[in-house]
Amino acid sequence: MSYGMKIYNADGRIQINTDEVAPNTFISNVTTSSYNSMTYPVANTSAGDLTLARPANSPIGTATTIALARTNVSTNPTHFWGSSSNASYFYQNTAGIVTALLKTQAGNISGPSAGEYGMDVYKTNGTTLLFSATRTTSVRVLAQGTLSANSDFTYTPPSYLDFNKIYAVVDSSVIFAFPAVFVFPDWVSNMSYSFAHGASTPYIKISNRIQSQGQYVTTYSASFPYLLVYDTN
């Protein structure tokens, strides 16, 4: 038996749900990004937004890697790993991905319509809406933490959740990949999410690894903050 509190209005809409741990955020700008348009930052990003991504609704293969990509250690990421911007000898995600933005409700919610009932919370100025129980839907946090160097974490969602509604927050993710050149060995720095949609029980593997010449590199200390959320809409 689970415990908590849900309050509904006369229309059957939830006003308060104690199971929702991020009630002041909502998903916006859900966009299907093709193989040729997996760019970062995504359109309509504002300061304070978190960038979400997941595999396409009809993905290729048995797993999709979700992460930002860097082609140079001195430049910021401009695209997602697997996009057409990747060198042809690297992973190619021709199915594309789905992106979205996780925004704060404060200042981004329209006012109530005439005759609408529910609970709204305003800023002290009396005009800026901070929270609405009726006009936006918060996300559910599924997994969050900080992955230490040279480690992995596997999240297996409950079977009742729609795997196509699980998103990874990608702003702290990154993959650098460099092939071997003359006397310099190949190496891959991997802070990413792997959505194993083809598994008999789908799961998401989160990795913080560096690999060179087929071996894990252990002499580094970078951590990887990760976050998985569920679109309850």
C-alpha atoms as a PDB file:
ATOM      1  CA  MET A   1       0.000   0.000   0.000  1.00  0.00           C
ATOM      2  CA  SER A   2       1.245   3.486  -0.867  1.00  0.00           C
ATOM      3  CA  TYR A   3       0.589   6.559   1.257  1.00  0.00           C
ATOM      4  CA  GLY A   4       0.154  10.188   0.345  1.00  0.00           C
ATOM      5  CA  MET A   5      -2.459  12.807  -0.435  1.00  0.00           C
ATOM      6  CA  LYS A   6      -4.249  13.837  -3.621  1.00  0.00           C
ATOM      7  CA  ILE A   7      -6.822  16.616  -3.733  1.00  0.00           C
ATOM      8  CA  TYR A   8      -9.176  16.864  -6.724  1.00  0.00           C
ATOM      9  CA  ASN A   9     -11.479  19.655  -7.835  1.00  0.00           C
ATOM     10  CA  ALA A  10     -15.070  19.222  -8.995  1.00  0.00           C
ATOM     11  CA  ASP A  11     -13.876  18.573 -12.554  1.00  0.00           C
ATOM     12  CA  GLY A  12     -11.758  15.626 -11.412  1.00  0.00           C
ATOM     13  CA  ARG A  13      -8.438  17.432 -11.926  1.00  0.00           C
ATOM     14  CA  ILE A  14      -5.667  17.022  -9.368  1.00  0.00           C
ATOM     15  CA  GLN A  15      -5.049  20.126  -7.267  1.00  0.00           C
ATOM     16  CA  ILE A  16      -2.360  18.722  -4.954  1.00  0.00           C
ATOM     17  CA  ASN A  17      -0.415  15.478  -5.328  1.00  0.00           C
ATOM     18  CA  THR A  18       2.202  14.642  -2.709  1.00  0.00           C
ATOM     19  CA  ASP A  19       3.759  12.039  -5.062  1.00  0.00           C
ATOM     20  CA  GLU A  20       4.964  14.799  -7.381  1.00  0.00           C
ATOM     21  CA  VAL A  21       8.339  15.931  -6.114  1.00  0.00           C
ATOM     22  CA  ALA A  22       8.945  18.680  -8.677  1.00  0.00           C
ATOM     23  CA  PRO A  23       5.621  20.553  -8.688  1.00  0.00           C
ATOM     24  CA  ASN A  24       7.055  23.894  -9.737  1.00  0.00           C
ATOM     25  CA  THR A  25       8.438  22.678 -13.045  1.00  0.00           C
ATOM     26  CA  PHE A  26       6.816  21.572 -16.284  1.00  0.00           C
ATOM     27  CA  ILE A  27       7.815  20.145 -19.650  1.00  0.00           C
ATOM     28  CA  SER A  28       7.615  22.495 -22.612  1.00  0.00           C
ATOM     29  CA  ASN A  29       8.678  22.646 -26.260  1.00  0.00           C
ATOM     30  CA  VAL A  30       8.600  18.895 -26.923  1.00  0.00           C
ATOM     31  CA  THR A  31      10.255  18.523 -30.343  1.00  0.00           C
ATOM     32  CA  THR A  32      11.193  15.620 -32.585  1.00  0.00           C
ATOM     33  CA  SER A  33      14.703  16.348 -33.835  1.00  0.00           C
ATOM     34  CA  SER A  34      15.837  14.533 -36.949  1.00  0.00           C
ATOM     35  CA  TYR A  35      19.293  13.111 -37.541  1.00  0.00           C
ATOM     36  CA  ASN A  36      20.234  16.347 -39.342  1.00  0.00           C
ATOM     37  CA  SER A  37      18.889  18.741 -36.713  1.00  0.00           C
ATOM     38  CA  MET A  38      20.091  17.393 -33.364  1.00  0.00           C
ATOM     39  CA  THR A  39      21.602  20.723 -32.329  1.00  0.00           C
ATOM     40  CA  TYR A  40      22.322  22.174 -28.892  1.00  0.00           C
ATOM     41  CA  PRO A  41      21.116  24.378 -27.265  1.00  0.00           C
ATOM     42  CA  VAL A  42      17.630  23.437 -28.443  1.00  0.00           C
ATOM     43  CA  ALA A  43      15.242  26.110 -29.708  1.00  0.00           C
ATOM     44  CA  ASN A  44      13.520  28.432 -27.221  1.00  0.00           C
ATOM     45  CA  THR A  45      15.965  27.710 -24.393  1.00  0.00           C
ATOM     46  CA  SER A  46      15.915  30.380 -21.695  1.00  0.00           C
ATOM     47  CA  ALA A  47      18.210  30.969 -18.749  1.00  0.00           C
ATOM     48  CA  GLY A  48      17.451  28.459 -16.015  1.00  0.00           C
ATOM     49  CA  ASP A  49      15.915  25.827 -18.311  1.00  0.00           C
ATOM     50  CA  LEU A  50      17.090  22.222 -18.238  1.00  0.00           C
ATOM     51  CA  THR A  51      17.403  20.387 -21.546  1.00  0.00           C
ATOM     52  CA  LEU A  52      15.693  17.010 -21.801  1.00  0.00           C
ATOM     53  CA  ALA A  53      16.180  14.299 -24.415  1.00  0.00           C
ATOM     54  CA  ARG A  54      15.062  10.730 -25.116  1.00  0.00           C
ATOM     55  CA  PRO A  55      15.153   8.300 -28.049  1.00  0.00           C
ATOM     56  CA  ALA A  56      12.809   8.761 -30.996  1.00  0.00           C
ATOM     57  CA  ASN A  57       9.416   7.055 -30.812  1.00  0.00           C
ATOM     58  CA  SER A  58      10.658   4.537 -33.397  1.00  0.00           C
ATOM     59  CA  PRO A  59      14.363   4.157 -32.533  1.00  0.00           C
ATOM     60  CA  ILE A  60      16.899   2.081 -34.416  1.00  0.00           C
ATOM     61  CA  GLY A  61      18.817  -0.847 -32.962  1.00  0.00           C
ATOM     62  CA  THR A  62      18.420  -2.084 -29.414  1.00  0.00           C
ATOM     63  CA  ALA A  63      19.759   0.968 -27.555  1.00  0.00           C
ATOM     64  CA  THR A  64      20.081   4.712 -28.101  1.00  0.00           C
ATOM     65  CA  THR A  65      22.881   6.788 -26.608  1.00  0.00           C
ATOM     66  CA  ILE A  66      21.713  10.167 -25.313  1.00  0.00           C
ATOM     67  CA  ALA A  67      24.423  12.766 -24.621  1.00  0.00           C
ATOM     68  CA  LEU A  68      25.886  15.980 -25.902  1.00  0.00           C
ATOM     69  CA  ALA A  69      28.949  15.736 -28.120  1.00  0.00           C
ATOM     70  CA  ARG A  70      32.161  17.711 -28.196  1.00  0.00           C
ATOM     71  CA  THR A  71      34.525  17.635 -31.118  1.00  0.00           C
ATOM     72  CA  ASN A  72      37.157  19.711 -29.356  1.00  0.00           C
ATOM     73  CA  VAL A  73      38.070  19.982 -25.675  1.00  0.00           C
ATOM     74  CA  SER A  74      38.184  23.769 -25.952  1.00  0.00           C
ATOM     75  CA  THR A  75      34.687  24.286 -27.427  1.00  0.00           C
ATOM     76  CA  ASN A  76      31.218  23.895 -25.970  1.00  0.00           C
ATOM     77  CA  PRO A  77      28.882  21.192 -27.331  1.00  0.00           C
ATOM     78  CA  THR A  78      26.870  22.251 -30.382  1.00  0.00           C
ATOM     79  CA  HIS A  79      25.062  18.984 -31.142  1.00  0.00           C
ATOM     80  CA  PHE A  80      23.976  15.642 -29.742  1.00  0.00           C
ATOM     81  CA  TRP A  81      26.026  12.458 -29.998  1.00  0.00           C
ATOM     82  CA  GLY A  82      24.870  10.462 -33.006  1.00  0.00           C
ATOM     83  CA  SER A  83      23.813  13.449 -35.108  1.00  0.00           C
ATOM     84  CA  SER A  84      24.943  14.095 -38.671  1.00  0.00           C
ATOM     85  CA  SER A  85      27.549  16.471 -37.212  1.00  0.00           C
ATOM     86  CA  ASN A  86      29.425  13.451 -35.872  1.00  0.00           C
ATOM     87  CA  ALA A  87      32.288  12.108 -37.935  1.00  0.00           C
ATOM     88  CA  SER A  88      31.008   9.256 -40.117  1.00  0.00           C
ATOM     89  CA  TYR A  89      33.139   6.661 -38.302  1.00  0.00           C
ATOM     90  CA  PHE A  90      31.358   7.414 -34.998  1.00  0.00           C
ATOM     91  CA  TYR A  91      27.884   6.376 -33.818  1.00  0.00           C
ATOM     92  CA  GLN A  92      25.117   7.550 -36.155  1.00  0.00           C
ATOM     93  CA  ASN A  93      21.594   7.844 -34.752  1.00  0.00           C
ATOM     94  CA  THR A  94      19.637   8.237 -37.993  1.00  0.00           C
ATOM     95  CA  ALA A  95      16.308   7.879 -36.161  1.00  0.00           C
ATOM     96  CA  GLY A  96      16.874  11.194 -34.369  1.00  0.00           C
ATOM     97  CA  ILE A  97      15.749  12.041 -30.842  1.00  0.00           C
ATOM     98  CA  VAL A  98      12.988  13.854 -28.963  1.00  0.00           C
ATOM     99  CA  THR A  99      13.991  16.943 -26.997  1.00  0.00           C
ATOM    100  CA  ALA A 100      12.123  19.136 -24.516  1.00  0.00           C
ATOM    101  CA  LEU A 101      12.733  21.855 -21.960  1.00  0.00           C
ATOM    102  CA  LEU A 102      12.116  21.637 -18.236  1.00  0.00           C
ATOM    103  CA  LYS A 103      10.968  25.099 -17.206  1.00  0.00           C
ATOM    104  CA  THR A 104      10.015  26.680 -13.927  1.00  0.00           C
ATOM    105  CA  GLN A 105       6.326  27.502 -13.647  1.00  0.00           C
ATOM    106  CA  ALA A 106       7.082  30.913 -12.148  1.00  0.00           C
ATOM    107  CA  GLY A 107       6.279  33.593 -14.705  1.00  0.00           C
ATOM    108  CA  ASN A 108       5.511  31.078 -17.450  1.00  0.00           C
ATOM    109  CA  ILE A 109       1.859  30.314 -16.635  1.00  0.00           C
ATOM    110  CA  SER A 110      -1.151  32.073 -18.083  1.00  0.00           C
ATOM    111  CA  GLY A 111      -3.891  33.320 -15.793  1.00  0.00           C
ATOM    112  CA  PRO A 112      -7.079  31.375 -15.140  1.00  0.00           C
ATOM    113  CA  SER A 113      -9.937  31.439 -17.606  1.00  0.00           C
ATOM    114  CA  ALA A 114     -13.341  32.777 -16.627  1.00  0.00           C
ATOM    115  CA  GLY A 115     -15.120  30.433 -14.245  1.00  0.00           C
ATOM    116  CA  GLU A 116     -12.084  28.188 -13.680  1.00  0.00           C
ATOM    117  CA  TYR A 117     -11.679  26.609 -10.248  1.00  0.00           C
ATOM    118  CA  GLY A 118      -8.444  25.383  -8.689  1.00  0.00           C
ATOM    119  CA  MET A 119      -5.448  26.564  -6.717  1.00  0.00           C
ATOM    120  CA  ASP A 120      -3.020  29.204  -7.975  1.00  0.00           C
ATOM    121  CA  VAL A 121      -0.058  30.583  -6.024  1.00  0.00           C
ATOM    122  CA  TYR A 122       1.108  34.127  -6.807  1.00  0.00           C
ATOM    123  CA  LYS A 123       4.255  36.054  -6.077  1.00  0.00           C
ATOM    124  CA  THR A 124       3.969  38.869  -3.548  1.00  0.00           C
ATOM    125  CA  ASN A 125       3.396  41.310  -6.428  1.00  0.00           C
ATOM    126  CA  GLY A 126      -0.002  39.661  -6.891  1.00  0.00           C
ATOM    127  CA  THR A 127       0.391  39.194 -10.652  1.00  0.00           C
ATOM    128  CA  THR A 128       3.205  36.672 -11.272  1.00  0.00           C
ATOM    129  CA  LEU A 129       1.954  33.097 -11.026  1.00  0.00           C
ATOM    130  CA  LEU A 130       4.375  30.757  -9.258  1.00  0.00           C
ATOM    131  CA  PHE A 131       2.277  27.582  -9.372  1.00  0.00           C
ATOM    132  CA  SER A 132      -0.995  26.349 -10.835  1.00  0.00           C
ATOM    133  CA  ALA A 133      -2.602  23.050  -9.925  1.00  0.00           C
ATOM    134  CA  THR A 134      -4.791  23.035 -13.036  1.00  0.00           C
ATOM    135  CA  ARG A 135      -2.996  24.508 -16.049  1.00  0.00           C
ATOM    136  CA  THR A 136       0.379  22.767 -15.952  1.00  0.00           C
ATOM    137  CA  THR A 137       1.538  19.272 -15.088  1.00  0.00           C
ATOM    138  CA  SER A 138       4.709  18.713 -13.120  1.00  0.00           C
ATOM    139  CA  VAL A 139       7.263  16.031 -13.909  1.00  0.00           C
ATOM    140  CA  ARG A 140       8.065  13.028 -11.773  1.00  0.00           C
ATOM    141  CA  VAL A 141      11.693  12.564 -10.794  1.00  0.00           C
ATOM    142  CA  LEU A 142      12.668   8.932 -11.367  1.00  0.00           C
ATOM    143  CA  ALA A 143      16.373   8.913 -10.553  1.00  0.00           C
ATOM    144  CA  GLN A 144      18.919  11.533  -9.623  1.00  0.00           C
ATOM    145  CA  GLY A 145      22.397  11.624  -8.180  1.00  0.00           C
ATOM    146  CA  THR A 146      26.044  12.159  -8.941  1.00  0.00           C
ATOM    147  CA  LEU A 147      28.003   9.376 -10.590  1.00  0.00           C
ATOM    148  CA  SER A 148      31.613   9.164  -9.478  1.00  0.00           C
ATOM    149  CA  ALA A 149      34.483   8.540 -11.880  1.00  0.00           C
ATOM    150  CA  ASN A 150      34.805   5.117 -13.511  1.00  0.00           C
ATOM    151  CA  SER A 151      31.325   3.884 -12.620  1.00  0.00           C
ATOM    152  CA  ASP A 152      27.884   3.048 -14.033  1.00  0.00           C
ATOM    153  CA  PHE A 153      24.335   3.070 -12.722  1.00  0.00           C
ATOM    154  CA  THR A 154      21.395   1.152 -14.197  1.00  0.00           C
ATOM    155  CA  TYR A 155      17.824   2.351 -13.735  1.00  0.00           C
ATOM    156  CA  THR A 156      14.994  -0.064 -14.555  1.00  0.00           C
ATOM    157  CA  PRO A 157      11.648   1.762 -14.639  1.00  0.00           C
ATOM    158  CA  PRO A 158       8.462   0.117 -13.344  1.00  0.00           C
ATOM    159  CA  SER A 159       6.593  -1.718 -16.089  1.00  0.00           C
ATOM    160  CA  TYR A 160       3.551   0.552 -15.766  1.00  0.00           C
ATOM    161  CA  LEU A 161       5.532   3.587 -16.970  1.00  0.00           C
ATOM    162  CA  ASP A 162       5.629   4.428 -20.677  1.00  0.00           C
ATOM    163  CA  PHE A 163       9.302   4.131 -21.672  1.00  0.00           C
ATOM    164  CA  ASN A 164       8.736   6.801 -24.346  1.00  0.00           C
ATOM    165  CA  LYS A 165       7.928   9.366 -21.648  1.00  0.00           C
ATOM    166  CA  ILE A 166      11.213   9.050 -19.772  1.00  0.00           C
ATOM    167  CA  TYR A 167      13.688  11.872 -20.409  1.00  0.00           C
ATOM    168  CA  ALA A 168      17.300  12.440 -19.419  1.00  0.00           C
ATOM    169  CA  VAL A 169      18.577  15.860 -18.395  1.00  0.00           C
ATOM    170  CA  VAL A 170      21.535  16.252 -20.743  1.00  0.00           C
ATOM    171  CA  ASP A 171      23.158  19.583 -19.884  1.00  0.00           C
ATOM    172  CA  SER A 172      25.926  17.900 -17.874  1.00  0.00           C
ATOM    173  CA  SER A 173      26.374  14.970 -20.266  1.00  0.00           C
ATOM    174  CA  VAL A 174      29.134  14.814 -22.847  1.00  0.00           C
ATOM    175  CA  ILE A 175      31.009  12.421 -25.096  1.00  0.00           C
ATOM    176  CA  PHE A 176      34.467  13.153 -26.499  1.00  0.00           C
ATOM    177  CA  ALA A 177      35.713  10.570 -28.943  1.00  0.00           C
ATOM    178  CA  PHE A 178      39.030  10.657 -30.776  1.00  0.00           C
ATOM    179  CA  PRO A 179      40.397   7.949 -33.071  1.00  0.00           C
ATOM    180  CA  ALA A 180      43.994   6.795 -32.921  1.00  0.00           C
ATOM    181  CA  VAL A 181      46.389   9.091 -34.793  1.00  0.00           C
ATOM    182  CA  PHE A 182      49.977   7.990 -35.418  1.00  0.00           C
ATOM    183  CA  VAL A 183      51.466   7.254 -31.967  1.00  0.00           C
ATOM    184  CA  PHE A 184      48.484   8.671 -30.057  1.00  0.00           C
ATOM    185  CA  PRO A 185      45.934   6.053 -28.925  1.00  0.00           C
ATOM    186  CA  ASP A 186      42.186   6.313 -29.344  1.00  0.00           C
ATOM    187  CA  TRP A 187      40.144   7.427 -26.346  1.00  0.00           C
ATOM    188  CA  VAL A 188      36.529   8.107 -25.431  1.00  0.00           C
ATOM    189  CA  SER A 189      35.282  10.212 -22.524  1.00  0.00           C
ATOM    190  CA  ASN A 190      31.737   9.085 -21.849  1.00  0.00           C
ATOM    191  CA  MET A 191      29.228  10.770 -19.516  1.00  0.00           C
ATOM    192  CA  SER A 192      26.014   9.555 -21.053  1.00  0.00           C
ATOM    193  CA  TYR A 193      22.670   7.762 -20.885  1.00  0.00           C
ATOM    194  CA  SER A 194      22.008   4.564 -22.850  1.00  0.00           C
ATOM    195  CA  PHE A 195      18.292   3.832 -23.326  1.00  0.00           C
ATOM    196  CA  ALA A 196      18.052   0.057 -23.843  1.00  0.00           C
ATOM    197  CA  HIS A 197      14.622   0.092 -25.490  1.00  0.00           C
ATOM    198  CA  GLY A 198      15.223  -3.241 -27.205  1.00  0.00           C
ATOM    199  CA  ALA A 199      15.794  -5.214 -24.005  1.00  0.00           C
ATOM    200  CA  SER A 200      13.109  -7.634 -22.802  1.00  0.00           C
ATOM    201  CA  THR A 201      12.884  -5.386 -19.732  1.00  0.00           C
ATOM    202  CA  PRO A 202      13.861  -1.883 -20.920  1.00  0.00           C
ATOM    203  CA  TYR A 203      16.378  -0.024 -18.787  1.00  0.00           C
ATOM    204  CA  ILE A 204      18.634   3.038 -18.826  1.00  0.00           C
ATOM    205  CA  LYS A 205      22.347   2.759 -18.156  1.00  0.00           C
ATOM    206  CA  ILE A 206      24.109   5.903 -16.971  1.00  0.00           C
ATOM    207  CA  SER A 207      27.875   5.918 -17.414  1.00  0.00           C
ATOM    208  CA  ASN A 208      30.868   7.952 -16.318  1.00  0.00           C
ATOM    209  CA  ARG A 209      33.783   6.261 -18.061  1.00  0.00           C
ATOM    210  CA  ILE A 210      36.963   6.996 -19.983  1.00  0.00           C
ATOM    211  CA  GLN A 211      38.226   4.295 -22.294  1.00  0.00           C
ATOM    212  CA  SER A 212      41.429   4.011 -24.324  1.00  0.00           C
ATOM    213  CA  GLN A 213      42.597   1.091 -26.445  1.00  0.00           C
ATOM    214  CA  GLY A 214      39.770  -1.055 -25.139  1.00  0.00           C
ATOM    215  CA  GLN A 215      40.646  -0.475 -21.478  1.00  0.00           C
ATOM    216  CA  TYR A 216      39.024   1.708 -18.836  1.00  0.00           C
ATOM    217  CA  VAL A 217      41.075   4.663 -17.599  1.00  0.00           C
ATOM    218  CA  THR A 218      40.801   4.982 -13.828  1.00  0.00           C
ATOM    219  CA  THR A 219      43.088   7.912 -13.042  1.00  0.00           C
ATOM    220  CA  TYR A 220      40.564  10.739 -13.254  1.00  0.00           C
ATOM    221  CA  SER A 221      38.142  12.318 -10.794  1.00  0.00           C
ATOM    222  CA  ALA A 222      35.377  14.014 -12.814  1.00  0.00           C
ATOM    223  CA  SER A 223      31.842  13.379 -11.530  1.00  0.00           C
ATOM    224  CA  PHE A 224      28.622  13.235 -13.581  1.00  0.00           C
ATOM    225  CA  PRO A 225      25.395  14.673 -12.101  1.00  0.00           C
ATOM    226  CA  TYR A 226      22.455  12.835 -13.675  1.00  0.00           C
ATOM    227  CA  LEU A 227      18.681  13.193 -13.635  1.00  0.00           C
ATOM    228  CA  LEU A 228      15.853  11.126 -15.172  1.00  0.00           C
ATOM    229  CA  VAL A 229      12.315  12.534 -15.231  1.00  0.00           C
ATOM    230  CA  TYR A 230       8.932  11.269 -16.367  1.00  0.00           C
ATOM    231  CA  ASP A 231       6.447  13.295 -18.402  1.00  0.00           C
ATOM    232  CA  THR A 232       3.157  12.845 -16.557  1.00  0.00           C
ATOM    233  CA  ASN A 233       1.114  14.580 -19.275  1.00  0.00           C
END
